[in-house]
Amino acid sequence: MFTGIVEELGSVVRVEQLADSARLHVRGPRVVSDAVPGASIAVNGVCLTVTELEGDVFAADVMRETLDRSSLGALQAGAAVNLERPVRLQDRLGGHVVQGHVDGVGTVLSRTPGERWEVVRVGVPAGLLRYVVEKGSITVDGVSLTVSARGTGEGGDWLEVSLIPTTLALTTLGGAPPGTPVNLEVDVLAKYVESLLAGAGR
């Protein structure tokens, strides 16, 4: 379990393309400082298992299912990635409950600069907007953010988030131009409520 508070901006060292999977090698000195094989690390919001450690680089295997449902398949050597270790029971829950299970890949549609912040509009895959509420939480590439607006237009469903200077400076979202794919994880509570209500009618 994660909170969506990015600890470190890491970098992809190498990507090994395998028959039906890939192996990522990622540099992240802070997140590997106490990591062991078998530990979990969120990479752009995707929960991965550490399989190897070498200095400040960890390796993780990414199965075909994850490659198909996230933007990790497009990563190349040199790409910046948001990294977060799992939350500990004694930690403060600074963001919201994040599982690291991507629900879909959205696309940055536009960026509107403010005095010290930016409003970013993200296209949402069909079927996900029903889980998004204004002032609710959304995870974008592993970053816990508050939804400032949502809607539907000719181009499809969208949501907006406002990025403060810290988010702009310390995460990949600060430099993501329109057209950038981003991993989206909706609030798991909304999915549980939907499932329970559907079951109540049986």
N, C-alpha and C. Protein backbone atom coordinates (compact mmCIF):
# COMPACT_ATOMS: atom_id res chain seq x y z
N MET A 1 0.83 -1.18 0.00
CA MET A 1 0.00 0.00 0.00
C MET A 1 0.88 1.25 0.00
N PHE A 2 0.45 2.27 -0.74
CA PHE A 2 1.21 3.51 -0.88
C PHE A 2 0.31 4.70 -0.54
N THR A 3 0.89 5.88 -0.55
CA THR A 3 0.10 7.07 -0.26
C THR A 3 0.09 8.08 -1.39
N GLY A 4 0.89 7.85 -2.43
CA GLY A 4 0.93 8.78 -3.54
C GLY A 4 1.80 9.99 -3.28
N ILE A 5 2.63 9.93 -2.25
CA ILE A 5 3.60 11.00 -1.96
C ILE A 5 4.95 10.54 -2.50
N VAL A 6 5.34 11.07 -3.64
CA VAL A 6 6.57 10.62 -4.31
C VAL A 6 7.79 10.95 -3.45
N GLU A 7 8.63 9.93 -3.24
CA GLU A 7 9.83 10.12 -2.42
C GLU A 7 11.02 10.57 -3.23
N GLU A 8 11.05 10.17 -4.49
CA GLU A 8 12.27 10.38 -5.26
C GLU A 8 11.97 10.34 -6.75
N LEU A 9 12.67 11.18 -7.48
CA LEU A 9 12.61 11.14 -8.94
C LEU A 9 13.77 10.27 -9.41
N GLY A 10 13.45 9.05 -9.81
CA GLY A 10 14.47 8.11 -10.23
C GLY A 10 14.66 8.14 -11.74
N SER A 11 15.51 7.26 -12.25
CA SER A 11 15.75 7.20 -13.69
C SER A 11 15.90 5.75 -14.13
N VAL A 12 15.38 5.47 -15.32
CA VAL A 12 15.49 4.13 -15.89
C VAL A 12 16.90 3.95 -16.44
N VAL A 13 17.60 2.93 -15.98
CA VAL A 13 18.96 2.64 -16.42
C VAL A 13 18.94 1.74 -17.66
N ARG A 14 18.08 0.75 -17.63
CA ARG A 14 18.04 -0.21 -18.73
C ARG A 14 16.68 -0.89 -18.76
N VAL A 15 16.24 -1.25 -19.94
CA VAL A 15 15.00 -2.01 -20.11
C VAL A 15 15.32 -3.26 -20.91
N GLU A 16 15.07 -4.42 -20.33
CA GLU A 16 15.25 -5.68 -21.03
C GLU A 16 13.91 -6.16 -21.55
N GLN A 17 13.77 -6.29 -22.86
CA GLN A 17 12.54 -6.79 -23.45
C GLN A 17 12.62 -8.31 -23.53
N LEU A 18 11.71 -8.98 -22.84
CA LEU A 18 11.68 -10.44 -22.82
C LEU A 18 10.51 -10.92 -23.67
N ALA A 19 10.32 -12.22 -23.75
CA ALA A 19 9.31 -12.78 -24.65
C ALA A 19 7.91 -12.24 -24.34
N ASP A 20 7.48 -12.33 -23.10
CA ASP A 20 6.14 -11.88 -22.74
C ASP A 20 6.16 -10.96 -21.52
N SER A 21 7.30 -10.32 -21.30
CA SER A 21 7.45 -9.44 -20.15
C SER A 21 8.65 -8.51 -20.40
N ALA A 22 8.96 -7.72 -19.40
CA ALA A 22 10.14 -6.85 -19.48
C ALA A 22 10.77 -6.77 -18.10
N ARG A 23 12.03 -6.45 -18.07
CA ARG A 23 12.72 -6.24 -16.79
C ARG A 23 13.26 -4.82 -16.78
N LEU A 24 12.81 -4.06 -15.78
CA LEU A 24 13.26 -2.68 -15.63
C LEU A 24 14.40 -2.60 -14.64
N HIS A 25 15.40 -1.80 -14.97
CA HIS A 25 16.49 -1.50 -14.04
C HIS A 25 16.41 0.00 -13.77
N VAL A 26 16.17 0.35 -12.52
CA VAL A 26 15.87 1.73 -12.15
C VAL A 26 16.82 2.22 -11.06
N ARG A 27 17.36 3.41 -11.25
CA ARG A 27 18.22 4.01 -10.23
C ARG A 27 17.38 4.86 -9.29
N GLY A 28 17.51 4.57 -7.98
CA GLY A 28 16.78 5.33 -6.97
C GLY A 28 17.45 5.16 -5.62
N PRO A 29 18.49 5.95 -5.34
CA PRO A 29 19.27 5.78 -4.11
C PRO A 29 18.42 5.78 -2.83
N ARG A 30 17.42 6.65 -2.77
CA ARG A 30 16.63 6.73 -1.53
C ARG A 30 15.76 5.49 -1.34
N VAL A 31 15.06 5.07 -2.40
CA VAL A 31 14.13 3.95 -2.21
C VAL A 31 14.83 2.61 -2.06
N VAL A 32 16.07 2.50 -2.53
CA VAL A 32 16.78 1.23 -2.36
C VAL A 32 17.60 1.20 -1.07
N SER A 33 17.61 2.29 -0.33
CA SER A 33 18.45 2.36 0.87
C SER A 33 18.10 1.29 1.89
N ASP A 34 16.84 0.87 1.95
CA ASP A 34 16.44 -0.19 2.88
C ASP A 34 15.70 -1.32 2.16
N ALA A 35 15.86 -1.38 0.84
CA ALA A 35 15.15 -2.41 0.07
C ALA A 35 15.87 -3.75 0.12
N VAL A 36 15.09 -4.80 -0.04
CA VAL A 36 15.61 -6.17 -0.14
C VAL A 36 14.84 -6.85 -1.26
N PRO A 37 15.41 -7.90 -1.85
CA PRO A 37 14.64 -8.65 -2.85
C PRO A 37 13.29 -9.07 -2.29
N GLY A 38 12.25 -8.82 -3.04
CA GLY A 38 10.90 -9.13 -2.57
C GLY A 38 10.14 -7.90 -2.09
N ALA A 39 10.87 -6.81 -1.87
CA ALA A 39 10.22 -5.58 -1.43
C ALA A 39 9.43 -4.95 -2.58
N SER A 40 8.47 -4.11 -2.24
CA SER A 40 7.67 -3.43 -3.23
C SER A 40 8.12 -1.99 -3.38
N ILE A 41 8.14 -1.50 -4.62
CA ILE A 41 8.41 -0.10 -4.92
C ILE A 41 7.45 0.31 -6.03
N ALA A 42 6.80 1.45 -5.86
CA ALA A 42 5.90 1.96 -6.89
C ALA A 42 6.71 2.76 -7.90
N VAL A 43 6.56 2.42 -9.17
CA VAL A 43 7.24 3.11 -10.27
C VAL A 43 6.16 3.74 -11.14
N ASN A 44 6.10 5.07 -11.13
CA ASN A 44 5.03 5.79 -11.85
C ASN A 44 3.65 5.25 -11.46
N GLY A 45 3.51 4.92 -10.19
CA GLY A 45 2.22 4.47 -9.69
C GLY A 45 1.94 3.00 -9.83
N VAL A 46 2.89 2.23 -10.34
CA VAL A 46 2.70 0.79 -10.52
C VAL A 46 3.51 0.05 -9.47
N CYS A 47 2.85 -0.77 -8.68
CA CYS A 47 3.54 -1.54 -7.65
C CYS A 47 4.34 -2.66 -8.29
N LEU A 48 5.68 -2.62 -8.11
CA LEU A 48 6.57 -3.64 -8.65
C LEU A 48 7.35 -4.30 -7.53
N THR A 49 7.79 -5.52 -7.77
CA THR A 49 8.57 -6.28 -6.79
C THR A 49 10.04 -6.24 -7.15
N VAL A 50 10.87 -5.89 -6.19
CA VAL A 50 12.31 -5.86 -6.39
C VAL A 50 12.83 -7.28 -6.54
N THR A 51 13.52 -7.53 -7.65
CA THR A 51 14.08 -8.87 -7.88
C THR A 51 15.59 -8.90 -7.71
N GLU A 52 16.24 -7.76 -7.95
CA GLU A 52 17.70 -7.67 -7.82
C GLU A 52 18.08 -6.28 -7.32
N LEU A 53 19.20 -6.22 -6.63
CA LEU A 53 19.75 -4.94 -6.16
C LEU A 53 21.23 -4.89 -6.51
N GLU A 54 21.65 -3.76 -7.06
CA GLU A 54 23.07 -3.56 -7.35
C GLU A 54 23.38 -2.08 -7.13
N GLY A 55 24.00 -1.81 -5.98
CA GLY A 55 24.27 -0.42 -5.63
C GLY A 55 22.97 0.34 -5.44
N ASP A 56 22.81 1.44 -6.18
CA ASP A 56 21.59 2.23 -6.04
C ASP A 56 20.58 1.93 -7.15
N VAL A 57 20.74 0.75 -7.79
CA VAL A 57 19.84 0.34 -8.87
C VAL A 57 19.09 -0.92 -8.46
N PHE A 58 17.79 -0.93 -8.72
CA PHE A 58 17.00 -2.14 -8.48
C PHE A 58 16.39 -2.61 -9.79
N ALA A 59 16.16 -3.91 -9.87
CA ALA A 59 15.51 -4.51 -11.03
C ALA A 59 14.15 -5.02 -10.62
N ALA A 60 13.20 -4.96 -11.56
CA ALA A 60 11.85 -5.47 -11.31
C ALA A 60 11.30 -6.04 -12.61
N ASP A 61 10.62 -7.17 -12.50
CA ASP A 61 10.00 -7.79 -13.66
C ASP A 61 8.59 -7.23 -13.85
N VAL A 62 8.26 -6.93 -15.11
CA VAL A 62 6.95 -6.38 -15.44
C VAL A 62 6.25 -7.35 -16.38
N MET A 63 5.16 -7.95 -15.91
CA MET A 63 4.45 -8.95 -16.69
C MET A 63 3.65 -8.30 -17.83
N ARG A 64 3.24 -9.11 -18.80
CA ARG A 64 2.49 -8.61 -19.96
C ARG A 64 1.22 -7.87 -19.54
N GLU A 65 0.51 -8.37 -18.54
CA GLU A 65 -0.70 -7.70 -18.06
C GLU A 65 -0.41 -6.26 -17.65
N THR A 66 0.69 -6.06 -16.93
CA THR A 66 1.05 -4.71 -16.48
C THR A 66 1.50 -3.85 -17.65
N LEU A 67 2.24 -4.43 -18.58
CA LEU A 67 2.66 -3.68 -19.76
C LEU A 67 1.47 -3.22 -20.58
N ASP A 68 0.43 -4.06 -20.65
CA ASP A 68 -0.75 -3.74 -21.44
C ASP A 68 -1.64 -2.70 -20.77
N ARG A 69 -1.61 -2.65 -19.44
CA ARG A 69 -2.55 -1.79 -18.72
C ARG A 69 -1.92 -0.53 -18.13
N SER A 70 -0.64 -0.32 -18.41
CA SER A 70 0.04 0.86 -17.87
C SER A 70 0.95 1.45 -18.95
N SER A 71 1.61 2.54 -18.60
CA SER A 71 2.54 3.19 -19.54
C SER A 71 3.97 2.69 -19.38
N LEU A 72 4.19 1.69 -18.53
CA LEU A 72 5.55 1.23 -18.29
C LEU A 72 6.18 0.62 -19.54
N GLY A 73 5.38 0.08 -20.43
CA GLY A 73 5.91 -0.53 -21.63
C GLY A 73 6.59 0.46 -22.56
N ALA A 74 6.29 1.75 -22.38
CA ALA A 74 6.88 2.78 -23.24
C ALA A 74 8.17 3.37 -22.66
N LEU A 75 8.55 2.95 -21.45
CA LEU A 75 9.74 3.51 -20.81
C LEU A 75 11.00 3.08 -21.56
N GLN A 76 11.95 4.01 -21.63
CA GLN A 76 13.24 3.74 -22.23
C GLN A 76 14.34 4.21 -21.30
N ALA A 77 15.55 3.76 -21.54
CA ALA A 77 16.69 4.16 -20.72
C ALA A 77 16.80 5.69 -20.71
N GLY A 78 16.99 6.23 -19.52
CA GLY A 78 17.10 7.67 -19.36
C GLY A 78 15.82 8.34 -18.92
N ALA A 79 14.69 7.63 -19.00
CA ALA A 79 13.41 8.23 -18.61
C ALA A 79 13.36 8.46 -17.11
N ALA A 80 12.78 9.58 -16.71
CA ALA A 80 12.56 9.86 -15.29
C ALA A 80 11.30 9.16 -14.83
N VAL A 81 11.31 8.66 -13.59
CA VAL A 81 10.16 7.96 -13.04
C VAL A 81 9.94 8.37 -11.59
N ASN A 82 8.66 8.41 -11.19
CA ASN A 82 8.31 8.70 -9.81
C ASN A 82 8.43 7.42 -8.98
N LEU A 83 9.11 7.51 -7.84
CA LEU A 83 9.34 6.34 -7.00
C LEU A 83 8.79 6.56 -5.59
N GLU A 84 8.21 5.51 -5.04
CA GLU A 84 7.71 5.55 -3.66
C GLU A 84 7.79 4.16 -3.05
N ARG A 85 8.27 4.11 -1.80
CA ARG A 85 8.24 2.86 -1.05
C ARG A 85 6.87 2.70 -0.39
N PRO A 86 6.51 1.46 0.00
CA PRO A 86 5.21 1.25 0.67
C PRO A 86 5.15 2.02 1.99
N VAL A 87 3.94 2.38 2.37
CA VAL A 87 3.73 3.07 3.64
C VAL A 87 3.94 2.10 4.79
N ARG A 88 4.51 2.59 5.89
CA ARG A 88 4.64 1.80 7.10
C ARG A 88 3.49 2.14 8.04
N LEU A 89 3.12 1.22 8.91
CA LEU A 89 1.97 1.43 9.78
C LEU A 89 2.10 2.66 10.65
N GLN A 90 3.33 3.03 11.00
CA GLN A 90 3.51 4.18 11.87
C GLN A 90 3.64 5.50 11.12
N ASP A 91 3.61 5.45 9.76
CA ASP A 91 3.76 6.67 8.97
C ASP A 91 2.47 7.47 8.92
N ARG A 92 2.62 8.77 8.65
CA ARG A 92 1.46 9.61 8.39
C ARG A 92 0.94 9.31 6.99
N LEU A 93 -0.37 9.31 6.83
CA LEU A 93 -0.98 9.10 5.52
C LEU A 93 -1.12 10.45 4.85
N GLY A 94 -0.02 10.88 4.19
CA GLY A 94 0.02 12.22 3.63
C GLY A 94 -0.83 12.41 2.40
N GLY A 95 -1.05 11.34 1.63
CA GLY A 95 -1.87 11.44 0.42
C GLY A 95 -3.21 10.76 0.63
N HIS A 96 -3.41 9.62 -0.05
CA HIS A 96 -4.60 8.80 0.18
C HIS A 96 -4.20 7.35 -0.05
N VAL A 97 -5.11 6.43 0.17
CA VAL A 97 -4.80 5.01 0.03
C VAL A 97 -4.60 4.66 -1.45
N VAL A 98 -3.36 4.28 -1.79
CA VAL A 98 -2.99 3.96 -3.16
C VAL A 98 -2.50 2.51 -3.20
N GLN A 99 -3.05 1.72 -4.09
CA GLN A 99 -2.66 0.31 -4.15
C GLN A 99 -1.51 0.04 -5.10
N GLY A 100 -1.31 0.94 -6.05
CA GLY A 100 -0.31 0.66 -7.07
C GLY A 100 -0.85 -0.23 -8.17
N HIS A 101 -2.18 -0.28 -8.30
CA HIS A 101 -2.86 -1.07 -9.32
C HIS A 101 -3.50 -0.11 -10.31
N VAL A 102 -2.91 0.03 -11.48
CA VAL A 102 -3.35 1.01 -12.47
C VAL A 102 -4.69 0.61 -13.07
N ASP A 103 -5.63 1.56 -13.12
CA ASP A 103 -6.96 1.32 -13.69
C ASP A 103 -7.02 1.66 -15.17
N GLY A 104 -6.11 2.50 -15.63
CA GLY A 104 -6.10 2.87 -17.04
C GLY A 104 -5.03 3.90 -17.31
N VAL A 105 -4.75 4.10 -18.59
CA VAL A 105 -3.76 5.09 -19.00
C VAL A 105 -4.48 6.29 -19.59
N GLY A 106 -4.25 7.46 -18.99
CA GLY A 106 -4.80 8.70 -19.49
C GLY A 106 -3.76 9.43 -20.32
N THR A 107 -4.13 10.62 -20.80
CA THR A 107 -3.23 11.43 -21.62
C THR A 107 -3.31 12.88 -21.19
N VAL A 108 -2.15 13.50 -20.99
CA VAL A 108 -2.14 14.93 -20.68
C VAL A 108 -2.69 15.67 -21.90
N LEU A 109 -3.77 16.45 -21.68
CA LEU A 109 -4.41 17.17 -22.78
C LEU A 109 -3.93 18.61 -22.88
N SER A 110 -3.77 19.26 -21.72
CA SER A 110 -3.35 20.66 -21.74
C SER A 110 -2.77 21.05 -20.39
N ARG A 111 -2.03 22.17 -20.40
CA ARG A 111 -1.44 22.74 -19.19
C ARG A 111 -1.72 24.23 -19.19
N THR A 112 -2.28 24.72 -18.09
CA THR A 112 -2.57 26.14 -17.98
C THR A 112 -1.79 26.71 -16.80
N PRO A 113 -0.77 27.53 -17.05
CA PRO A 113 0.06 28.04 -15.96
C PRO A 113 -0.66 29.11 -15.14
N GLY A 114 -0.42 29.08 -13.84
CA GLY A 114 -0.89 30.12 -12.93
C GLY A 114 0.32 30.90 -12.43
N GLU A 115 0.12 31.64 -11.36
CA GLU A 115 1.23 32.44 -10.83
C GLU A 115 2.38 31.56 -10.35
N ARG A 116 2.03 30.50 -9.59
CA ARG A 116 3.07 29.60 -9.09
C ARG A 116 2.65 28.13 -9.23
N TRP A 117 1.64 27.87 -10.02
CA TRP A 117 1.14 26.52 -10.16
C TRP A 117 0.69 26.31 -11.60
N GLU A 118 0.26 25.09 -11.88
CA GLU A 118 -0.29 24.79 -13.20
C GLU A 118 -1.51 23.91 -13.06
N VAL A 119 -2.51 24.19 -13.87
CA VAL A 119 -3.68 23.33 -13.96
C VAL A 119 -3.46 22.40 -15.14
N VAL A 120 -3.51 21.11 -14.88
CA VAL A 120 -3.28 20.11 -15.91
C VAL A 120 -4.57 19.34 -16.17
N ARG A 121 -4.97 19.30 -17.44
CA ARG A 121 -6.15 18.53 -17.83
C ARG A 121 -5.68 17.20 -18.41
N VAL A 122 -6.31 16.12 -17.93
CA VAL A 122 -5.93 14.76 -18.32
C VAL A 122 -7.14 14.05 -18.93
N GLY A 123 -6.97 13.49 -20.11
CA GLY A 123 -8.01 12.68 -20.71
C GLY A 123 -8.15 11.37 -19.96
N VAL A 124 -9.38 10.97 -19.70
CA VAL A 124 -9.65 9.78 -18.90
C VAL A 124 -10.24 8.68 -19.79
N PRO A 125 -9.72 7.45 -19.70
CA PRO A 125 -10.27 6.35 -20.49
C PRO A 125 -11.76 6.14 -20.21
N ALA A 126 -12.47 5.66 -21.19
CA ALA A 126 -13.91 5.41 -21.05
C ALA A 126 -14.18 4.50 -19.86
N GLY A 127 -15.18 4.86 -19.06
CA GLY A 127 -15.60 4.04 -17.94
C GLY A 127 -14.99 4.40 -16.60
N LEU A 128 -13.95 5.24 -16.59
CA LEU A 128 -13.29 5.57 -15.32
C LEU A 128 -13.84 6.84 -14.67
N LEU A 129 -14.44 7.73 -15.45
CA LEU A 129 -14.86 9.01 -14.89
C LEU A 129 -15.90 8.85 -13.79
N ARG A 130 -16.66 7.77 -13.81
CA ARG A 130 -17.69 7.58 -12.79
C ARG A 130 -17.09 7.41 -11.39
N TYR A 131 -15.80 7.06 -11.33
CA TYR A 131 -15.14 6.91 -10.03
C TYR A 131 -14.48 8.21 -9.56
N VAL A 132 -14.56 9.25 -10.37
CA VAL A 132 -13.85 10.51 -10.09
C VAL A 132 -14.85 11.56 -9.63
N VAL A 133 -14.58 12.20 -8.49
CA VAL A 133 -15.45 13.26 -7.99
C VAL A 133 -14.61 14.50 -7.73
N GLU A 134 -15.21 15.65 -7.92
CA GLU A 134 -14.52 16.91 -7.65
C GLU A 134 -14.15 16.98 -6.17
N LYS A 135 -12.93 17.38 -5.89
CA LYS A 135 -12.33 17.44 -4.55
C LYS A 135 -12.00 16.06 -4.01
N GLY A 136 -12.19 15.02 -4.82
CA GLY A 136 -11.78 13.69 -4.42
C GLY A 136 -10.32 13.45 -4.81
N SER A 137 -9.85 12.24 -4.58
CA SER A 137 -8.45 11.91 -4.84
C SER A 137 -8.30 11.10 -6.12
N ILE A 138 -7.18 11.32 -6.81
CA ILE A 138 -6.81 10.57 -7.99
C ILE A 138 -5.29 10.38 -7.96
N THR A 139 -4.81 9.25 -8.44
CA THR A 139 -3.38 9.03 -8.53
C THR A 139 -2.96 9.13 -10.00
N VAL A 140 -2.06 10.05 -10.30
CA VAL A 140 -1.57 10.26 -11.66
C VAL A 140 -0.07 9.97 -11.68
N ASP A 141 0.32 8.91 -12.36
CA ASP A 141 1.73 8.48 -12.38
C ASP A 141 2.30 8.35 -10.97
N GLY A 142 1.47 7.85 -10.06
CA GLY A 142 1.93 7.61 -8.70
C GLY A 142 1.84 8.80 -7.78
N VAL A 143 1.33 9.92 -8.25
CA VAL A 143 1.23 11.14 -7.44
C VAL A 143 -0.21 11.31 -6.97
N SER A 144 -0.41 11.40 -5.66
CA SER A 144 -1.73 11.64 -5.09
C SER A 144 -2.11 13.09 -5.31
N LEU A 145 -3.24 13.31 -6.00
CA LEU A 145 -3.66 14.66 -6.33
C LEU A 145 -5.15 14.82 -6.05
N THR A 146 -5.57 16.07 -5.87
CA THR A 146 -6.98 16.39 -5.67
C THR A 146 -7.60 16.82 -7.00
N VAL A 147 -8.73 16.25 -7.31
CA VAL A 147 -9.44 16.59 -8.55
C VAL A 147 -10.07 17.96 -8.38
N SER A 148 -9.71 18.89 -9.27
CA SER A 148 -10.27 20.24 -9.17
C SER A 148 -11.45 20.44 -10.12
N ALA A 149 -11.58 19.59 -11.14
CA ALA A 149 -12.71 19.65 -12.07
C ALA A 149 -12.77 18.35 -12.85
N ARG A 150 -13.93 18.06 -13.40
CA ARG A 150 -14.13 16.87 -14.22
C ARG A 150 -15.20 17.18 -15.24
N GLY A 151 -15.19 16.46 -16.36
CA GLY A 151 -16.22 16.72 -17.34
C GLY A 151 -16.09 15.83 -18.56
N THR A 152 -16.97 16.06 -19.51
CA THR A 152 -17.00 15.33 -20.76
C THR A 152 -17.13 16.32 -21.90
N GLY A 153 -16.35 16.13 -22.94
CA GLY A 153 -16.40 17.01 -24.10
C GLY A 153 -16.38 16.20 -25.38
N GLU A 154 -16.19 16.89 -26.49
CA GLU A 154 -16.17 16.22 -27.78
C GLU A 154 -15.03 15.20 -27.86
N GLY A 155 -13.95 15.50 -27.14
CA GLY A 155 -12.80 14.59 -27.17
C GLY A 155 -12.88 13.47 -26.17
N GLY A 156 -13.93 13.44 -25.35
CA GLY A 156 -14.08 12.39 -24.35
C GLY A 156 -14.05 12.93 -22.93
N ASP A 157 -13.89 12.03 -21.97
CA ASP A 157 -13.89 12.39 -20.55
C ASP A 157 -12.56 12.99 -20.15
N TRP A 158 -12.60 13.88 -19.15
CA TRP A 158 -11.37 14.50 -18.67
C TRP A 158 -11.51 14.87 -17.20
N LEU A 159 -10.36 15.08 -16.57
CA LEU A 159 -10.31 15.62 -15.21
C LEU A 159 -9.18 16.63 -15.16
N GLU A 160 -9.24 17.50 -14.18
CA GLU A 160 -8.18 18.49 -13.98
C GLU A 160 -7.62 18.40 -12.58
N VAL A 161 -6.33 18.63 -12.47
CA VAL A 161 -5.63 18.70 -11.19
C VAL A 161 -4.76 19.95 -11.19
N SER A 162 -4.54 20.51 -10.01
CA SER A 162 -3.68 21.68 -9.89
C SER A 162 -2.38 21.28 -9.24
N LEU A 163 -1.26 21.56 -9.90
CA LEU A 163 0.05 21.15 -9.41
C LEU A 163 0.75 22.32 -8.74
N ILE A 164 1.11 22.11 -7.47
CA ILE A 164 1.83 23.13 -6.71
C ILE A 164 3.31 23.10 -7.10
N PRO A 165 4.08 24.12 -6.73
CA PRO A 165 5.50 24.16 -7.12
C PRO A 165 6.29 22.91 -6.74
N THR A 166 6.02 22.34 -5.57
CA THR A 166 6.75 21.14 -5.15
C THR A 166 6.49 19.98 -6.11
N THR A 167 5.24 19.78 -6.49
CA THR A 167 4.90 18.71 -7.42
C THR A 167 5.52 18.96 -8.79
N LEU A 168 5.52 20.21 -9.22
CA LEU A 168 6.12 20.55 -10.50
C LEU A 168 7.62 20.28 -10.51
N ALA A 169 8.28 20.54 -9.38
CA ALA A 169 9.73 20.42 -9.31
C ALA A 169 10.21 19.00 -9.03
N LEU A 170 9.43 18.22 -8.27
CA LEU A 170 9.94 16.96 -7.75
C LEU A 170 9.30 15.71 -8.35
N THR A 171 8.42 15.86 -9.35
CA THR A 171 7.83 14.68 -9.98
C THR A 171 7.89 14.82 -11.50
N THR A 172 7.62 13.74 -12.19
CA THR A 172 7.63 13.77 -13.65
C THR A 172 6.51 14.63 -14.23
N LEU A 173 5.49 14.91 -13.43
CA LEU A 173 4.36 15.69 -13.94
C LEU A 173 4.76 17.13 -14.26
N GLY A 174 5.83 17.61 -13.65
CA GLY A 174 6.27 18.97 -13.91
C GLY A 174 6.71 19.20 -15.35
N GLY A 175 7.17 18.15 -16.01
CA GLY A 175 7.67 18.30 -17.37
C GLY A 175 6.93 17.45 -18.39
N ALA A 176 5.69 17.06 -18.06
CA ALA A 176 4.92 16.20 -18.97
C ALA A 176 4.11 17.06 -19.94
N PRO A 177 4.50 17.14 -21.20
CA PRO A 177 3.78 17.98 -22.16
C PRO A 177 2.49 17.31 -22.62
N PRO A 178 1.59 18.07 -23.26
CA PRO A 178 0.40 17.46 -23.83
C PRO A 178 0.77 16.29 -24.73
N GLY A 179 0.01 15.23 -24.61
CA GLY A 179 0.28 14.01 -25.35
C GLY A 179 0.97 12.94 -24.53
N THR A 180 1.46 13.30 -23.34
CA THR A 180 2.15 12.34 -22.48
C THR A 180 1.17 11.34 -21.87
N PRO A 181 1.42 10.03 -21.99
CA PRO A 181 0.56 9.05 -21.31
C PRO A 181 0.87 9.02 -19.83
N VAL A 182 -0.16 8.88 -19.01
CA VAL A 182 0.02 8.84 -17.55
C VAL A 182 -0.84 7.73 -16.97
N ASN A 183 -0.29 7.04 -15.97
CA ASN A 183 -1.03 5.98 -15.29
C ASN A 183 -2.03 6.58 -14.32
N LEU A 184 -3.26 6.08 -14.35
CA LEU A 184 -4.31 6.56 -13.47
C LEU A 184 -4.79 5.44 -12.55
N GLU A 185 -4.90 5.76 -11.27
CA GLU A 185 -5.54 4.85 -10.31
C GLU A 185 -6.61 5.64 -9.58
N VAL A 186 -7.85 5.22 -9.71
CA VAL A 186 -8.94 5.91 -9.03
C VAL A 186 -8.98 5.47 -7.57
N ASP A 187 -9.76 6.18 -6.78
CA ASP A 187 -9.90 5.87 -5.36
C ASP A 187 -10.56 4.50 -5.22
N VAL A 188 -9.88 3.57 -4.58
CA VAL A 188 -10.39 2.20 -4.45
C VAL A 188 -11.71 2.17 -3.69
N LEU A 189 -11.97 3.14 -2.81
CA LEU A 189 -13.22 3.16 -2.07
C LEU A 189 -14.42 3.25 -3.00
N ALA A 190 -14.27 4.03 -4.08
CA ALA A 190 -15.38 4.17 -5.04
C ALA A 190 -15.69 2.83 -5.70
N LYS A 191 -14.66 2.05 -6.01
CA LYS A 191 -14.88 0.76 -6.65
C LYS A 191 -15.54 -0.24 -5.69
N TYR A 192 -15.14 -0.18 -4.42
CA TYR A 192 -15.78 -1.06 -3.44
C TYR A 192 -17.25 -0.71 -3.25
N VAL A 193 -17.55 0.58 -3.19
CA VAL A 193 -18.95 1.01 -3.03
C VAL A 193 -19.78 0.53 -4.20
N GLU A 194 -19.25 0.70 -5.42
CA GLU A 194 -19.97 0.24 -6.61
C GLU A 194 -20.23 -1.26 -6.55
N SER A 195 -19.22 -2.03 -6.16
CA SER A 195 -19.36 -3.47 -6.09
C SER A 195 -20.39 -3.89 -5.04
N LEU A 196 -20.36 -3.23 -3.89
CA LEU A 196 -21.32 -3.56 -2.82
C LEU A 196 -22.74 -3.22 -3.22
N LEU A 197 -22.93 -2.09 -3.87
CA LEU A 197 -24.27 -1.70 -4.31
C LEU A 197 -24.80 -2.65 -5.39
N ALA A 198 -23.91 -3.08 -6.28
CA ALA A 198 -24.31 -4.02 -7.30
C ALA A 198 -24.72 -5.36 -6.67
N GLY A 199 -23.98 -5.76 -5.66
CA GLY A 199 -24.29 -7.02 -4.97
C GLY A 199 -25.56 -6.95 -4.17
N ALA A 200 -25.91 -5.75 -3.68
CA ALA A 200 -27.12 -5.61 -2.85
C ALA A 200 -28.39 -5.87 -3.64
N GLY A 201 -28.31 -5.70 -4.98
CA GLY A 201 -29.50 -5.90 -5.80
C GLY A 201 -29.72 -7.35 -6.22
N ARG A 202 -28.83 -8.24 -5.81
CA ARG A 202 -28.95 -9.64 -6.22
C ARG A 202 -29.93 -10.40 -5.34
